[in-house]
Amino acid sequence: MQSVQDRAETLSFVVMPDHIHWLMQLQEGAKLSPSVQKMKSIASRLIHQNTAYKAQVWDSSFHDHAIRKYQDVKGIARYIILNPLRAGLVSKVGNYPLWDAVWL
């Protein structure tokens, strides 16, 4: 079975209290739905193993947005990373621990 790394390269992400933003580049031949399902499966298993939370973690659906060649990928990554700031969870992005980007 393919790992998430075999399907998609994570460019940036931020985990919010009730959802995740994940900017990824699919590997050649990879499909979006199986890649997202694999990430959800791995994350659910880790959450259940490492916390007392045992309920369903994810909705069955997800929303996607394809990035076109002309769009600024780093700008989109910055927008994703700033979500905790816009949501009022922190006053500085550096104070929010649940994010990363390949450009750092």
C-alpha atoms as a PDB file:
ATOM      1  CA  MET A   1       0.000   0.000   0.000  1.00  0.00           C
ATOM      2  CA  GLN A   2       1.252   3.497  -0.807  1.00  0.00           C
ATOM      3  CA  SER A   3       2.024   5.914   2.001  1.00  0.00           C
ATOM      4  CA  VAL A   4       0.817   9.515   1.949  1.00  0.00           C
ATOM      5  CA  GLN A   5       4.377  10.511   1.022  1.00  0.00           C
ATOM      6  CA  ASP A   6       4.126   8.291  -2.069  1.00  0.00           C
ATOM      7  CA  ARG A   7       0.915  10.063  -3.078  1.00  0.00           C
ATOM      8  CA  ALA A   8       1.432  13.703  -2.163  1.00  0.00           C
ATOM      9  CA  GLU A   9       4.135  16.084  -1.014  1.00  0.00           C
ATOM     10  CA  THR A  10       3.001  18.356   1.795  1.00  0.00           C
ATOM     11  CA  LEU A  11       3.875  21.972   1.023  1.00  0.00           C
ATOM     12  CA  SER A  12       2.164  23.537   4.037  1.00  0.00           C
ATOM     13  CA  PHE A  13      -0.549  22.785   6.550  1.00  0.00           C
ATOM     14  CA  VAL A  14      -2.285  24.194   9.594  1.00  0.00           C
ATOM     15  CA  VAL A  15      -4.429  22.194  12.000  1.00  0.00           C
ATOM     16  CA  MET A  16      -7.353  24.259  13.249  1.00  0.00           C
ATOM     17  CA  PRO A  17      -9.647  23.247  16.153  1.00  0.00           C
ATOM     18  CA  ASP A  18     -12.264  21.791  13.800  1.00  0.00           C
ATOM     19  CA  HIS A  19     -10.530  21.317  10.439  1.00  0.00           C
ATOM     20  CA  ILE A  20      -7.208  21.202   8.634  1.00  0.00           C
ATOM     21  CA  HIS A  21      -5.835  23.168   5.700  1.00  0.00           C
ATOM     22  CA  TRP A  22      -3.396  21.083   3.686  1.00  0.00           C
ATOM     23  CA  LEU A  23      -1.508  22.395   0.663  1.00  0.00           C
ATOM     24  CA  MET A  24      -0.087  19.445  -1.212  1.00  0.00           C
ATOM     25  CA  GLN A  25       1.299  18.521  -4.567  1.00  0.00           C
ATOM     26  CA  LEU A  26       0.054  15.194  -5.847  1.00  0.00           C
ATOM     27  CA  GLN A  27       2.700  12.856  -7.145  1.00  0.00           C
ATOM     28  CA  GLU A  28       2.417  11.717 -10.742  1.00  0.00           C
ATOM     29  CA  GLY A  29      -0.413   9.234 -11.105  1.00  0.00           C
ATOM     30  CA  ALA A  30      -1.760   9.895  -7.595  1.00  0.00           C
ATOM     31  CA  LYS A  31      -5.431  10.655  -7.100  1.00  0.00           C
ATOM     32  CA  LEU A  32      -6.759  13.256  -4.694  1.00  0.00           C
ATOM     33  CA  SER A  33      -9.433  11.266  -2.851  1.00  0.00           C
ATOM     34  CA  PRO A  34      -7.223   8.276  -1.942  1.00  0.00           C
ATOM     35  CA  SER A  35      -4.452  10.652  -0.824  1.00  0.00           C
ATOM     36  CA  VAL A  36      -6.780  12.572   1.473  1.00  0.00           C
ATOM     37  CA  GLN A  37      -8.310   9.323   2.768  1.00  0.00           C
ATOM     38  CA  LYS A  38      -4.847   7.966   3.600  1.00  0.00           C
ATOM     39  CA  MET A  39      -3.928  11.145   5.518  1.00  0.00           C
ATOM     40  CA  LYS A  40      -7.216  11.022   7.427  1.00  0.00           C
ATOM     41  CA  SER A  41      -6.685   7.362   8.278  1.00  0.00           C
ATOM     42  CA  ILE A  42      -3.135   7.872   9.558  1.00  0.00           C
ATOM     43  CA  ALA A  43      -4.109  10.985  11.553  1.00  0.00           C
ATOM     44  CA  SER A  44      -7.148   9.260  13.088  1.00  0.00           C
ATOM     45  CA  ARG A  45      -5.081   6.268  14.153  1.00  0.00           C
ATOM     46  CA  LEU A  46      -2.434   8.528  15.766  1.00  0.00           C
ATOM     47  CA  ILE A  47      -5.055  10.642  17.535  1.00  0.00           C
ATOM     48  CA  HIS A  48      -6.794   7.556  18.915  1.00  0.00           C
ATOM     49  CA  GLN A  49      -3.501   5.958  20.008  1.00  0.00           C
ATOM     50  CA  ASN A  50      -2.108   9.072  21.689  1.00  0.00           C
ATOM     51  CA  THR A  51      -5.139  10.751  23.253  1.00  0.00           C
ATOM     52  CA  ALA A  52      -8.287   9.831  25.122  1.00  0.00           C
ATOM     53  CA  TYR A  53     -10.337  10.958  22.102  1.00  0.00           C
ATOM     54  CA  LYS A  54     -11.967   7.888  20.545  1.00  0.00           C
ATOM     55  CA  ALA A  55     -14.796   9.371  18.458  1.00  0.00           C
ATOM     56  CA  GLN A  56     -14.800   9.821  14.696  1.00  0.00           C
ATOM     57  CA  VAL A  57     -12.206  12.459  13.792  1.00  0.00           C
ATOM     58  CA  TRP A  58     -13.124  13.430  10.222  1.00  0.00           C
ATOM     59  CA  ASP A  59     -16.224  14.032   8.145  1.00  0.00           C
ATOM     60  CA  SER A  60     -16.364  11.720   5.166  1.00  0.00           C
ATOM     61  CA  SER A  61     -16.179  14.614   2.694  1.00  0.00           C
ATOM     62  CA  PHE A  62     -13.619  17.317   2.044  1.00  0.00           C
ATOM     63  CA  HIS A  63     -13.363  20.523   0.045  1.00  0.00           C
ATOM     64  CA  ASP A  64     -10.633  21.005  -2.514  1.00  0.00           C
ATOM     65  CA  HIS A  65      -9.285  23.852  -4.559  1.00  0.00           C
ATOM     66  CA  ALA A  66      -6.941  23.201  -7.465  1.00  0.00           C
ATOM     67  CA  ILE A  67      -4.101  25.690  -7.776  1.00  0.00           C
ATOM     68  CA  ARG A  68      -3.379  26.862 -11.284  1.00  0.00           C
ATOM     69  CA  LYS A  69       0.127  27.369 -12.643  1.00  0.00           C
ATOM     70  CA  TYR A  70      -0.240  31.138 -12.578  1.00  0.00           C
ATOM     71  CA  GLN A  71      -1.201  31.278  -8.891  1.00  0.00           C
ATOM     72  CA  ASP A  72       1.359  32.128  -6.201  1.00  0.00           C
ATOM     73  CA  VAL A  73       1.852  28.868  -4.275  1.00  0.00           C
ATOM     74  CA  LYS A  74       3.902  30.524  -1.527  1.00  0.00           C
ATOM     75  CA  GLY A  75       1.207  33.190  -1.155  1.00  0.00           C
ATOM     76  CA  ILE A  76      -1.411  30.484  -0.763  1.00  0.00           C
ATOM     77  CA  ALA A  77       0.801  28.771   1.837  1.00  0.00           C
ATOM     78  CA  ARG A  78       1.078  32.070   3.751  1.00  0.00           C
ATOM     79  CA  TYR A  79      -2.708  32.453   3.632  1.00  0.00           C
ATOM     80  CA  ILE A  80      -3.119  28.921   5.038  1.00  0.00           C
ATOM     81  CA  ILE A  81      -0.593  29.484   7.817  1.00  0.00           C
ATOM     82  CA  LEU A  82      -2.262  32.759   8.850  1.00  0.00           C
ATOM     83  CA  ASN A  83      -5.602  31.025   9.561  1.00  0.00           C
ATOM     84  CA  PRO A  84      -5.031  30.792  13.357  1.00  0.00           C
ATOM     85  CA  LEU A  85      -4.246  34.517  13.436  1.00  0.00           C
ATOM     86  CA  ARG A  86      -7.372  35.437  11.436  1.00  0.00           C
ATOM     87  CA  ALA A  87      -9.450  33.145  13.664  1.00  0.00           C
ATOM     88  CA  GLY A  88      -8.206  34.986  16.752  1.00  0.00           C
ATOM     89  CA  LEU A  89      -6.516  31.914  18.234  1.00  0.00           C
ATOM     90  CA  VAL A  90      -3.145  33.668  18.611  1.00  0.00           C
ATOM     91  CA  SER A  91      -1.714  37.150  18.277  1.00  0.00           C
ATOM     92  CA  LYS A  92       1.372  35.887  16.407  1.00  0.00           C
ATOM     93  CA  VAL A  93       1.543  32.930  14.038  1.00  0.00           C
ATOM     94  CA  GLY A  94       4.736  31.793  15.754  1.00  0.00           C
ATOM     95  CA  ASN A  95       2.693  31.172  18.903  1.00  0.00           C
ATOM     96  CA  TYR A  96       0.542  28.565  17.140  1.00  0.00           C
ATOM     97  CA  PRO A  97       2.254  25.158  17.175  1.00  0.00           C
ATOM     98  CA  LEU A  98       0.214  23.196  14.625  1.00  0.00           C
ATOM     99  CA  TRP A  99       1.537  24.366  11.272  1.00  0.00           C
ATOM    100  CA  ASP A 100       4.490  23.934   8.941  1.00  0.00           C
ATOM    101  CA  ALA A 101       5.668  24.788   5.446  1.00  0.00           C
ATOM    102  CA  VAL A 102       8.475  23.430   3.261  1.00  0.00           C
ATOM    103  CA  TRP A 103       9.881  26.919   2.723  1.00  0.00           C
ATOM    104  CA  LEU A 104      11.016  27.318   6.342  1.00  0.00           C
END
